[in-house]
Amino acid sequence: MGNLVIDFILLALCIIGFTALMGTVTNVFGMKVFGRGNVNKFKTKSTSIQTGWKKVGGK
């Protein structure tokens, strides 16, 4: 009975890990193929808006 539980847990971890990995790989593939030049579009726009802002908090 203990071996069945261990096998079930290992199978569940493999399925969850494989699913998470495939999601990441699919996202990267989609951004490279279908994103074309717009991969950093939002980061670039956000950075351009924030230029000249004062730093807040911390040293």
C-alpha atoms as a PDB file:
ATOM      1  CA  MET A   1       0.000   0.000   0.000  1.00  0.00           C
ATOM      2  CA  GLY A   2       2.863   2.356   0.807  1.00  0.00           C
ATOM      3  CA  ASN A   3       4.450   1.770  -2.584  1.00  0.00           C
ATOM      4  CA  LEU A   4       1.180   2.667  -4.300  1.00  0.00           C
ATOM      5  CA  VAL A   5       1.044   5.993  -2.463  1.00  0.00           C
ATOM      6  CA  ILE A   6       4.665   6.769  -3.315  1.00  0.00           C
ATOM      7  CA  ASP A   7       4.079   5.897  -6.981  1.00  0.00           C
ATOM      8  CA  PHE A   8       0.955   8.055  -7.069  1.00  0.00           C
ATOM      9  CA  ILE A   9       2.791  11.027  -5.529  1.00  0.00           C
ATOM     10  CA  LEU A  10       5.708  10.679  -7.964  1.00  0.00           C
ATOM     11  CA  LEU A  11       3.337  10.448 -10.919  1.00  0.00           C
ATOM     12  CA  ALA A  12       1.428  13.516  -9.730  1.00  0.00           C
ATOM     13  CA  LEU A  13       4.668  15.505  -9.328  1.00  0.00           C
ATOM     14  CA  CYS A  14       5.834  14.489 -12.815  1.00  0.00           C
ATOM     15  CA  ILE A  15       2.528  15.487 -14.392  1.00  0.00           C
ATOM     16  CA  ILE A  16       2.444  18.840 -12.567  1.00  0.00           C
ATOM     17  CA  GLY A  17       6.100  19.546 -13.395  1.00  0.00           C
ATOM     18  CA  PHE A  18       5.653  18.603 -17.047  1.00  0.00           C
ATOM     19  CA  THR A  19       2.565  20.791 -17.330  1.00  0.00           C
ATOM     20  CA  ALA A  20       4.357  23.785 -15.800  1.00  0.00           C
ATOM     21  CA  LEU A  21       7.371  23.278 -18.052  1.00  0.00           C
ATOM     22  CA  MET A  22       5.232  22.994 -21.169  1.00  0.00           C
ATOM     23  CA  GLY A  23       3.400  26.205 -20.263  1.00  0.00           C
ATOM     24  CA  THR A  24       6.690  28.082 -20.016  1.00  0.00           C
ATOM     25  CA  VAL A  25       8.068  26.598 -23.232  1.00  0.00           C
ATOM     26  CA  THR A  26       4.844  27.377 -25.098  1.00  0.00           C
ATOM     27  CA  ASN A  27       4.869  30.972 -23.823  1.00  0.00           C
ATOM     28  CA  VAL A  28       8.466  31.541 -24.933  1.00  0.00           C
ATOM     29  CA  PHE A  29       7.775  29.924 -28.311  1.00  0.00           C
ATOM     30  CA  GLY A  30       4.681  32.061 -28.809  1.00  0.00           C
ATOM     31  CA  MET A  31       6.499  35.271 -27.901  1.00  0.00           C
ATOM     32  CA  LYS A  32       9.384  34.516 -30.264  1.00  0.00           C
ATOM     33  CA  VAL A  33       7.273  33.357 -33.219  1.00  0.00           C
ATOM     34  CA  PHE A  34       4.105  35.419 -32.959  1.00  0.00           C
ATOM     35  CA  GLY A  35       5.416  38.354 -30.910  1.00  0.00           C
ATOM     36  CA  ARG A  36       7.875  39.396 -33.595  1.00  0.00           C
ATOM     37  CA  GLY A  37       9.261  42.795 -32.537  1.00  0.00           C
ATOM     38  CA  ASN A  38       6.728  43.481 -29.786  1.00  0.00           C
ATOM     39  CA  VAL A  39       8.279  41.355 -27.033  1.00  0.00           C
ATOM     40  CA  ASN A  40       9.433  44.341 -24.939  1.00  0.00           C
ATOM     41  CA  LYS A  41       6.681  46.705 -26.075  1.00  0.00           C
ATOM     42  CA  PHE A  42       5.075  47.274 -22.669  1.00  0.00           C
ATOM     43  CA  LYS A  43       8.361  47.401 -20.743  1.00  0.00           C
ATOM     44  CA  THR A  44       9.775  49.968 -23.168  1.00  0.00           C
ATOM     45  CA  LYS A  45       6.634  52.120 -22.965  1.00  0.00           C
ATOM     46  CA  SER A  46       6.592  51.938 -19.154  1.00  0.00           C
ATOM     47  CA  THR A  47      10.271  52.906 -18.983  1.00  0.00           C
ATOM     48  CA  SER A  48       9.769  55.840 -21.342  1.00  0.00           C
ATOM     49  CA  ILE A  49       6.872  57.155 -19.238  1.00  0.00           C
ATOM     50  CA  GLN A  50       8.845  56.850 -15.978  1.00  0.00           C
ATOM     51  CA  THR A  51      11.947  58.740 -17.136  1.00  0.00           C
ATOM     52  CA  GLY A  52      12.593  61.773 -14.946  1.00  0.00           C
ATOM     53  CA  TRP A  53      10.580  60.469 -11.985  1.00  0.00           C
ATOM     54  CA  LYS A  54      12.053  60.907  -8.509  1.00  0.00           C
ATOM     55  CA  LYS A  55      13.171  57.796  -6.645  1.00  0.00           C
ATOM     56  CA  VAL A  56      10.912  57.137  -3.643  1.00  0.00           C
ATOM     57  CA  GLY A  57      11.840  55.324  -0.451  1.00  0.00           C
ATOM     58  CA  GLY A  58      15.027  53.608   0.604  1.00  0.00           C
ATOM     59  CA  LYS A  59      18.528  54.935   0.323  1.00  0.00           C
END
